[in-house]
Protein backbone atom coordinates (compact mmCIF):
# COMPACT_ATOMS: atom_id res chain seq x y z
CA UNK A 1 -4.79 30.10 22.74
CA UNK A 2 -3.65 33.66 22.64
CA UNK A 3 -3.61 35.82 19.64
CA UNK A 4 -1.02 38.26 18.27
CA UNK A 5 -0.98 40.82 15.74
CA UNK A 6 0.30 39.66 12.26
CA UNK A 7 3.30 42.35 12.16
CA UNK A 8 4.77 40.65 15.26
CA UNK A 9 5.03 37.09 13.76
CA UNK A 10 8.28 35.42 12.81
CA UNK A 11 9.58 31.84 11.81
CA UNK A 12 9.19 29.47 14.58
CA UNK A 13 5.71 30.77 15.96
CA UNK A 14 3.03 28.06 15.84
CA UNK A 15 -0.22 29.54 14.49
CA UNK A 16 -3.68 28.19 14.19
CA UNK A 17 -5.82 29.13 11.12
CA UNK A 18 -8.68 26.91 12.13
CA UNK A 19 -11.01 29.92 12.56
CA UNK A 20 -10.37 31.07 9.24
CA UNK A 21 -11.00 27.73 7.30
CA UNK A 22 -8.85 25.56 5.21
CA UNK A 23 -10.82 27.06 2.13
CA UNK A 24 -10.02 30.52 2.96
CA UNK A 25 -6.04 30.30 3.18
CA UNK A 26 -3.41 28.71 0.90
CA UNK A 27 -1.39 26.56 3.50
CA UNK A 28 -1.35 22.90 3.95
CA UNK A 29 -2.61 22.63 7.22
CA UNK A 30 -4.94 24.69 9.50
CA UNK A 31 -2.01 24.55 12.14
CA UNK A 32 1.33 24.79 11.72
CA UNK A 33 4.84 26.06 12.60
CA UNK A 34 5.87 29.22 10.19
CA UNK A 35 9.02 28.19 8.46
CA UNK A 36 9.64 31.47 6.42
CA UNK A 37 9.14 34.98 5.91
CA UNK A 38 7.03 34.05 2.66
CA UNK A 39 4.42 32.56 4.94
CA UNK A 40 4.25 35.59 6.62
CA UNK A 41 3.87 37.77 3.90
CA UNK A 42 0.95 35.54 2.54
CA UNK A 43 -0.80 35.82 5.98
CA UNK A 44 -0.41 39.62 5.75
CA UNK A 45 -1.95 39.61 2.18
CA UNK A 46 -4.95 37.73 3.30
CA UNK A 47 -6.01 40.88 5.41
CA UNK A 48 -5.80 39.30 8.63
CA UNK A 49 -4.78 41.86 11.74
CA UNK A 50 -4.14 39.34 14.12
CA UNK A 51 -3.71 35.50 14.51
CA UNK A 52 -4.18 32.44 17.03
CA UNK A 53 -0.84 31.29 18.06
CA UNK A 54 0.05 28.38 20.80
CA UNK A 55 3.11 29.09 23.03
CA UNK A 56 3.51 25.52 24.04
CA UNK A 57 4.23 24.43 20.40
CA UNK A 58 6.28 27.51 19.07
CA UNK A 59 9.88 27.46 19.10
CA UNK A 60 10.05 31.46 19.00
CA UNK A 61 7.92 33.92 20.40
CA UNK A 62 5.95 36.78 18.56
CA UNK A 63 8.51 39.84 18.09
CA UNK A 64 8.13 42.56 20.59
CA UNK A 65 6.08 45.39 19.75
CA UNK A 66 9.11 47.83 19.01
CA UNK A 67 10.65 45.51 16.65
CA UNK A 68 7.90 45.02 14.21
CA UNK A 69 9.71 46.97 11.28
CA UNK A 70 7.90 48.57 8.44
CA UNK A 71 9.01 47.36 5.06
CA UNK A 72 7.91 47.00 1.32
CA UNK A 73 4.88 44.72 1.34
CA UNK A 74 5.22 41.51 -0.83
CA UNK A 75 2.37 40.02 0.45
CA UNK A 76 0.26 39.89 -2.77
CA UNK A 77 2.83 38.02 -4.61
CA UNK A 78 3.52 35.48 -1.80
CA UNK A 79 -0.13 34.98 -1.40
CA UNK A 80 -0.63 34.53 -5.29
CA UNK A 81 2.17 32.05 -5.35
CA UNK A 82 0.98 29.93 -2.59
CA UNK A 83 -2.53 29.88 -3.96
CA UNK A 84 -0.92 28.45 -7.09
CA UNK A 85 0.96 25.51 -5.09
CA UNK A 86 -2.47 24.81 -3.62
CA UNK A 87 -4.20 24.66 -7.01
CA UNK A 88 -1.20 22.24 -8.13
CA UNK A 89 -2.09 20.02 -4.91
CA UNK A 90 -5.63 19.74 -5.54
CA UNK A 91 -5.00 18.81 -9.22
CA UNK A 92 -2.48 16.13 -7.91
CA UNK A 93 -5.06 14.64 -5.60
CA UNK A 94 -7.66 14.39 -8.50
CA UNK A 95 -5.16 12.83 -10.94
CA UNK A 96 -4.09 10.29 -8.20
CA UNK A 97 -7.61 9.32 -7.53
CA UNK A 98 -8.66 9.08 -11.14
CA UNK A 99 -5.43 7.16 -11.82
CA UNK A 100 -6.38 4.63 -8.94
CA UNK A 101 -9.95 4.09 -10.22
CA UNK A 102 -8.49 3.37 -13.61
CA UNK A 103 -6.10 0.88 -12.42
CA UNK A 104 -8.66 -0.77 -10.29
CA UNK A 105 -11.01 -1.61 -12.99
CA UNK A 106 -7.83 -2.84 -14.97
CA UNK A 107 -7.20 -5.17 -12.01
CA UNK A 108 -10.84 -6.18 -11.70
CA UNK A 109 -10.82 -7.34 -15.43
CA UNK A 110 -7.60 -8.96 -15.01
CA UNK A 111 -8.69 -10.81 -12.01
CA UNK A 112 -11.67 -12.18 -13.92
CA UNK A 113 -9.75 -13.48 -16.70
CA UNK A 114 -7.35 -15.04 -14.24
CA UNK A 115 -10.26 -16.91 -12.59
CA UNK A 116 -11.54 -18.15 -16.09
CA UNK A 117 -7.99 -19.69 -16.62
CA UNK A 118 -7.98 -21.26 -13.43
CA UNK A 119 -11.36 -22.79 -13.69
CA UNK A 120 -10.61 -24.21 -17.18
CA UNK A 121 -6.98 -25.04 -17.58
CA UNK A 122 -7.26 -28.47 -16.40
CA UNK A 123 -10.03 -29.43 -18.85
CA UNK A 124 -8.78 -26.89 -21.79
CA UNK A 125 -5.18 -26.72 -20.95
CA UNK A 126 -3.59 -25.89 -24.37
CA UNK A 127 -6.48 -23.06 -24.90
CA UNK A 128 -5.87 -21.65 -21.66
CA UNK A 129 -1.88 -21.79 -21.84
CA UNK A 130 -1.85 -18.94 -24.11
CA UNK A 131 -4.56 -16.80 -22.63
CA UNK A 132 -2.37 -17.00 -19.15
CA UNK A 133 0.82 -15.98 -21.14
CA UNK A 134 -0.62 -13.05 -22.61
CA UNK A 135 -2.16 -12.07 -19.05
CA UNK A 136 1.31 -12.47 -17.46
CA UNK A 137 2.69 -10.41 -20.32
CA UNK A 138 0.45 -7.82 -20.04
CA UNK A 139 1.22 -7.21 -16.56
CA UNK A 140 4.68 -7.60 -16.61
CA UNK A 141 4.86 -4.70 -19.08
CA UNK A 142 2.65 -2.59 -16.70
CA UNK A 143 4.63 -2.91 -13.73
CA UNK A 144 6.59 0.39 -14.13
CA UNK A 145 5.30 3.33 -12.51
CA UNK A 146 2.51 1.34 -11.21
CA UNK A 147 4.14 -0.39 -8.03
CA UNK A 148 2.41 1.71 -5.39
CA UNK A 149 -0.91 1.36 -6.94
CA UNK A 150 -0.28 -2.32 -7.36
CA UNK A 151 0.54 -2.68 -3.69
CA UNK A 152 -2.49 -0.69 -2.45
CA UNK A 153 -4.57 -3.03 -4.53
CA UNK A 154 -3.40 -5.99 -3.02
CA UNK A 155 -4.03 -4.44 0.47
CA UNK A 156 -7.47 -3.11 -0.29
CA UNK A 157 -9.32 -5.73 1.00
CA UNK A 158 -12.71 -7.36 -0.58
CA UNK A 159 -15.30 -9.44 0.94
CA UNK A 160 -15.40 -11.56 -2.34
CA UNK A 161 -11.89 -11.92 -3.18
CA UNK A 162 -11.47 -15.54 -3.95
CA UNK A 163 -9.05 -17.77 -5.58
CA UNK A 164 -8.62 -15.59 -8.49
CA UNK A 165 -8.15 -12.29 -6.65
CA UNK A 166 -5.54 -14.49 -4.36
CA UNK A 167 -3.67 -15.49 -7.56
CA UNK A 168 -3.68 -12.05 -9.09
CA UNK A 169 -2.32 -10.60 -5.89
CA UNK A 170 0.44 -13.30 -5.41
CA UNK A 171 1.31 -12.77 -9.17
CA UNK A 172 1.80 -9.14 -8.96
CA UNK A 173 3.74 -9.23 -5.75
CA UNK A 174 5.90 -11.98 -7.00
CA UNK A 175 6.38 -9.72 -9.88
CA UNK A 176 7.37 -6.89 -8.02
CA UNK A 177 10.09 -8.78 -6.12
CA UNK A 178 11.24 -10.39 -9.21
CA UNK A 179 11.92 -6.93 -10.30
CA UNK A 180 13.43 -5.70 -7.57
CA UNK A 181 16.07 -8.67 -7.71
CA UNK A 182 16.78 -7.96 -10.98
CA UNK A 183 15.33 -10.71 -13.12
CA UNK A 184 15.10 -10.63 -16.90
CA UNK A 185 12.03 -10.38 -18.79
CA UNK A 186 11.49 -13.99 -19.85
CA UNK A 187 12.12 -15.04 -16.18
CA UNK A 188 9.66 -12.65 -14.82
CA UNK A 189 7.33 -14.17 -17.40
CA UNK A 190 7.73 -17.55 -15.96
CA UNK A 191 7.78 -16.33 -12.39
CA UNK A 192 4.49 -14.63 -13.19
CA UNK A 193 2.90 -17.72 -14.86
CA UNK A 194 4.09 -20.15 -11.95
CA UNK A 195 2.40 -17.55 -9.39
CA UNK A 196 -0.71 -17.37 -11.56
CA UNK A 197 -1.00 -20.91 -11.32
CA UNK A 198 0.41 -21.82 -7.72
CA UNK A 199 -3.08 -22.70 -6.24
CA UNK A 200 -4.76 -24.10 -9.24
CA UNK A 201 -5.13 -27.60 -7.58
CA UNK A 202 -7.08 -25.88 -4.78
CA UNK A 203 -10.15 -26.58 -6.82
CA UNK A 204 -9.97 -30.20 -5.98
CA UNK A 205 -10.09 -29.19 -2.10
CA UNK A 206 -13.36 -28.84 -0.57
CA UNK A 207 -14.20 -25.34 0.55
CA UNK A 208 -14.75 -26.32 4.19
CA UNK A 209 -11.27 -27.74 4.42
CA UNK A 210 -9.81 -24.36 2.42
CA UNK A 211 -11.60 -22.00 4.78
CA UNK A 212 -10.77 -23.62 8.08
CA UNK A 213 -8.44 -21.97 10.40
CA UNK A 214 -7.75 -25.30 12.44
CA UNK A 215 -7.57 -28.50 10.67
CA UNK A 216 -7.51 -31.90 11.95
CA UNK A 217 -4.49 -34.03 10.88
CA UNK A 218 -6.58 -35.85 7.92
CA UNK A 219 -8.00 -32.30 6.74
CA UNK A 220 -4.58 -30.85 6.78
CA UNK A 221 -3.02 -33.70 4.55
CA UNK A 222 -6.03 -33.18 2.21
CA UNK A 223 -5.20 -29.63 2.13
CA UNK A 224 -1.51 -30.24 1.24
CA UNK A 225 -2.59 -32.35 -1.42
CA UNK A 226 -3.50 -29.26 -3.51
CA UNK A 227 0.12 -29.08 -4.52
CA UNK A 228 0.03 -32.52 -6.28
CA UNK A 229 -3.40 -31.79 -7.53
CA UNK A 230 -2.02 -28.58 -9.11
CA UNK A 231 0.72 -30.53 -11.01
CA UNK A 232 -2.02 -32.78 -12.02
CA UNK A 233 -4.03 -29.94 -13.38
CA UNK A 234 -1.39 -28.88 -15.86
CA UNK A 235 0.15 -32.06 -16.83
CA UNK A 236 -1.62 -31.52 -20.33
CA UNK A 237 -0.29 -28.17 -21.10
CA UNK A 238 2.18 -28.33 -23.89
CA UNK A 239 5.65 -26.62 -23.32
CA UNK A 240 5.11 -25.55 -19.88
CA UNK A 241 8.61 -24.49 -18.48
CA UNK A 242 10.08 -26.57 -15.59
CA UNK A 243 10.23 -23.22 -13.56
CA UNK A 244 6.81 -22.94 -13.66
CA UNK A 245 5.93 -26.41 -12.63
CA UNK A 246 8.39 -26.08 -9.91
CA UNK A 247 6.60 -22.83 -8.35
CA UNK A 248 3.52 -24.83 -8.08
CA UNK A 249 5.22 -27.82 -6.86
CA UNK A 250 7.36 -25.66 -4.42
CA UNK A 251 5.62 -22.62 -3.13
CA UNK A 252 4.93 -24.16 0.23
CA UNK A 253 8.50 -25.16 1.05
CA UNK A 254 10.30 -23.21 3.56
CA UNK A 255 13.95 -21.97 3.52
CA UNK A 256 14.47 -23.72 7.07
CA UNK A 257 13.26 -26.82 5.74
CA UNK A 258 10.03 -27.01 7.51
CA UNK A 259 7.83 -26.54 4.62
CA UNK A 260 5.82 -29.25 2.54
CA UNK A 261 5.44 -31.27 0.56
CA UNK A 262 9.16 -32.35 0.45
CA UNK A 263 10.86 -30.49 3.30
CA UNK A 264 13.32 -28.88 0.92
CA UNK A 265 15.84 -26.31 2.40
CA UNK A 266 17.84 -23.45 1.31
CA UNK A 267 19.15 -23.48 -2.33
CA UNK A 268 17.71 -26.67 -3.07
CA UNK A 269 14.33 -24.73 -3.36
CA UNK A 270 13.75 -23.61 -6.93
CA UNK A 271 14.74 -19.89 -7.29
CA UNK A 272 11.22 -18.63 -8.56
CA UNK A 273 9.43 -20.83 -5.87
CA UNK A 274 11.24 -18.70 -2.98
CA UNK A 275 9.87 -15.71 -4.51
CA UNK A 276 6.22 -16.76 -4.76
CA UNK A 277 6.23 -18.27 -1.22
CA UNK A 278 7.01 -14.75 0.10
CA UNK A 279 4.34 -13.19 -1.74
CA UNK A 280 1.86 -16.19 -0.97
CA UNK A 281 2.40 -15.81 2.54
CA UNK A 282 1.92 -11.98 2.65
CA UNK A 283 -1.31 -12.09 0.89
CA UNK A 284 -2.76 -14.94 2.90
CA UNK A 285 -1.97 -12.75 6.12
CA UNK A 286 -3.70 -9.50 4.43
CA UNK A 287 -6.36 -11.54 2.83
CA UNK A 288 -7.29 -14.51 4.72
CA UNK A 289 -10.52 -16.59 3.78
CA UNK A 290 -11.90 -14.88 7.30
CA UNK A 291 -11.17 -11.36 6.99
CA UNK A 292 -11.73 -10.78 10.62
CA UNK A 293 -8.43 -12.57 11.06
CA UNK A 294 -6.62 -10.28 8.24
CA UNK A 295 -3.52 -8.30 9.51
CA UNK A 296 -3.09 -4.56 8.35
CA UNK A 297 -0.15 -4.25 5.59
CA UNK A 298 2.34 -3.26 8.29
CA UNK A 299 1.40 -6.13 10.69
CA UNK A 300 1.89 -8.51 7.79
CA UNK A 301 5.39 -7.40 7.03
CA UNK A 302 6.33 -7.46 10.75
CA UNK A 303 5.17 -10.99 11.01
CA UNK A 304 7.21 -11.76 8.11
CA UNK A 305 10.06 -10.10 9.06
CA UNK A 306 10.34 -10.57 12.91
CA UNK A 307 8.64 -14.11 13.41
CA UNK A 308 8.92 -15.83 10.38
CA UNK A 309 12.03 -14.94 8.76
CA UNK A 310 13.91 -18.23 8.95
CA UNK A 311 11.11 -19.72 6.45
CA UNK A 312 12.21 -17.42 3.65
CA UNK A 313 15.38 -16.27 1.62
CA UNK A 314 16.91 -13.65 3.69
CA UNK A 315 18.00 -11.38 0.48
CA UNK A 316 14.81 -11.93 -1.23
CA UNK A 317 12.79 -11.03 2.17
CA UNK A 318 14.78 -8.06 2.72
CA UNK A 319 14.03 -6.94 -0.97
CA UNK A 320 10.34 -7.56 -0.23
CA UNK A 321 10.02 -5.32 2.82
CA UNK A 322 12.22 -2.76 0.86
CA UNK A 323 9.84 -2.77 -1.89
CA UNK A 324 6.63 -2.60 -0.01
CA UNK A 325 8.18 -0.62 2.82
CA UNK A 326 7.75 -1.11 6.39
CA UNK A 327 4.31 0.97 6.06
CA UNK A 328 3.11 -0.46 2.48
CA UNK A 329 0.82 1.56 0.39
CA UNK A 330 -2.87 0.96 1.84
CA UNK A 331 -1.63 1.34 5.52
CA UNK A 332 -3.56 3.19 7.79
CA UNK A 333 -1.02 5.00 9.92
CA UNK A 334 -1.43 7.76 12.93
CA UNK A 335 1.48 10.52 13.00
CA UNK A 336 3.33 11.97 15.85
CA UNK A 337 1.04 15.27 15.82
CA UNK A 338 -2.21 12.87 16.20
CA UNK A 339 -3.21 13.17 12.59
CA UNK A 340 -4.32 9.83 10.79
CA UNK A 341 -3.05 9.27 6.80
CA UNK A 342 -3.04 6.76 4.39
CA UNK A 343 0.07 5.52 2.95
CA UNK A 344 0.09 6.01 -0.91
CA UNK A 345 3.56 5.44 -1.95
CA UNK A 346 6.67 3.94 -0.33
CA UNK A 347 10.08 5.53 0.12
CA UNK A 348 12.70 3.24 -0.75
CA UNK A 349 15.39 5.74 0.59
CA UNK A 350 13.79 5.78 3.90
CA UNK A 351 11.44 3.15 4.80
CA UNK A 352 9.75 5.07 7.64
CA UNK A 353 8.97 8.28 5.68
CA UNK A 354 6.41 7.17 3.03
CA UNK A 355 4.04 9.63 1.00
CA UNK A 356 0.60 9.98 2.84
CA UNK A 357 -2.79 11.23 2.06
CA UNK A 358 -4.06 12.89 5.20
CA UNK A 359 -7.39 13.23 6.69
CA UNK A 360 -8.63 16.70 7.85
CA UNK A 361 -12.20 17.49 8.23
CA UNK A 362 -11.72 21.00 7.32
CA UNK A 363 -10.28 20.05 3.98
CA UNK A 364 -12.83 18.86 1.04
CA UNK A 365 -12.02 14.88 0.63
CA UNK A 366 -11.50 15.89 -3.29
CA UNK A 367 -8.87 18.25 -2.34
CA UNK A 368 -7.33 16.00 0.46
CA UNK A 369 -3.50 16.72 1.71
CA UNK A 370 -0.52 14.77 0.43
CA UNK A 371 2.23 14.89 2.40
CA UNK A 372 5.86 13.29 1.85
CA UNK A 373 7.02 12.78 5.40
CA UNK A 374 10.58 13.10 4.31
CA UNK A 375 9.97 16.78 3.86
CA UNK A 376 8.49 17.16 7.33
CA UNK A 377 9.48 16.74 10.85
CA UNK A 378 6.49 14.64 11.41
CA UNK A 379 6.72 10.67 12.17
CA UNK A 380 4.54 7.61 11.88
CA UNK A 381 3.72 6.78 15.59
CA UNK A 382 2.05 3.41 14.65
CA UNK A 383 -0.19 1.48 12.13
CA UNK A 384 -3.78 1.47 12.47
CA UNK A 385 -6.59 -0.92 11.75
CA UNK A 386 -9.29 0.60 9.63
CA UNK A 387 -11.63 -1.03 11.98
CA UNK A 388 -10.28 1.08 15.02
CA UNK A 389 -10.93 4.12 13.26
CA UNK A 390 -14.28 6.18 12.64
CA UNK A 391 -16.27 5.15 9.47
CA UNK A 392 -15.90 8.78 8.30
CA UNK A 393 -12.47 8.47 8.41
CA UNK A 394 -11.90 5.47 6.37
CA UNK A 395 -14.37 6.57 3.68
CA UNK A 396 -12.34 10.06 3.56
CA UNK A 397 -9.04 8.01 2.94
CA UNK A 398 -10.38 5.09 1.00
CA UNK A 399 -9.08 5.31 -2.48
CA UNK A 400 -12.67 5.93 -4.16
CA UNK A 401 -14.45 6.70 -1.01
CA UNK A 402 -15.67 3.03 -0.86
CA UNK A 403 -15.60 1.45 2.91
CA UNK A 404 -16.48 -1.85 1.27
CA UNK A 405 -12.68 -2.22 0.81
CA UNK A 406 -12.40 -2.43 4.48
CA UNK A 407 -13.93 -4.96 6.86
CA UNK A 408 -14.90 -4.41 10.72
CA UNK A 409 -12.86 -6.87 12.73
CA UNK A 410 -9.83 -6.62 10.62
CA UNK A 411 -6.83 -6.45 12.52
C-alpha cells in the first residue's frame, strides 16, 4: 500500500498502523478510516512523518500538497487524551475478566450445592427444601446487573457438566426470562425452585438411556418416566408450592400439544412450566450429553425461533430471544471486516449489534479491544463454532484463557 505525508491526511482516508504496532499508538485498531481532525493531530504528535494508506478502503484521498495548510499544533493535547482513553479501555478489560472469574467461582459453588440438593432431596426432603429455597433466593437477588455474565456462563461448555450444571443453567435462564416477563419476587422464587428441581427424577433413569441420542420405544418410555419419578421424589416435601410441582410435571409439555406426559396445549400448560420449557430446550441444545452435537448459542436461538417456535408460548419465546440476543453472550462471531470476536453483552435495543471482545494478535490479551457494534459501521457476518477457529484465537477470547470451555467438534 502507498504512503502519504501526515500533513496531507484528512477524514475519510483509511490508514494502517501495523508497522507502528498496537502498543505504540493510542487507537483502538491498527487499521481504520480516519473520522476526525483529533485523530490526525494525535498521529502528528506521535512524530510520524508519513503513513501507509489504502485507496480501496478510503472514502477520501489525501489532500493535495498545496492544500496542506499550516496551523497551530494541538497534537500533544490530542495524543494525551487518546492515551488516557486507551488506559481506560485496558482497565475495563481487566475489570471485566476479574468480574467474570469471580462470578464463575460463585456459579461453580452454587452448582455444587444444587447437585447435593438433587441427590438427597428424595431421602431428606425437609432438610433439603430450605437449602433449595435459600439457593434460589440468593440467585434471584443476584440477577440484576449480572445478566450477560450469567448467559455467558451457561454457554461456556464444560466436559463435566452433568445434571447439577444443567439444573443451574435452566434455573438462571428461567429466572432471566421470568424477570423479563415482569414476574414478582415470589413468583420468581417458585419459578427458580421448579427449574432447579425439574429433572430431579432423572436419577432413576439409567445413564445409558439418558445419554442416548436415539432411543427404542421402550427406552423412550423409560426416559419420559423421569417426570413421574420427579413428582415422586418431591412428594415428601412439606409445603412445596403447587406451581413448583407443576414445573416438574409439565416442563416437557409443548404449546402445540405435542409434548408429554399429558399432551397439554396452550394456556392449559401451567404458566411457569412454559418458561422452564424454553430454558430447558435451549440448554439441551447448547450443552447436550454428547458435546460434539452441541449448537452454538446463536444456532440454538435460531433453531428455537425458526424450527421449533410452535412448541413454545410465542410471547415468552420472543422475550427469551430479546433477553439473550440473536447472538447471545458467549457466541463467537465473524465481522464484516474479517475480524473475530466473542459476544460479551447483548444489546436489547438492537439485537444485531452486541458488544464484543475482539481478537487481534497485535494487541496483548490483557488489553483486548471491547467494541460496541452500535458505535461502528461494522456488522456481524456470521456466528462461528469455536471448533472452526484456531486454538490461539479461542484461548485469547475465552473468558479466562481456558480452552477447556470449548470442545472440538462442537457445532
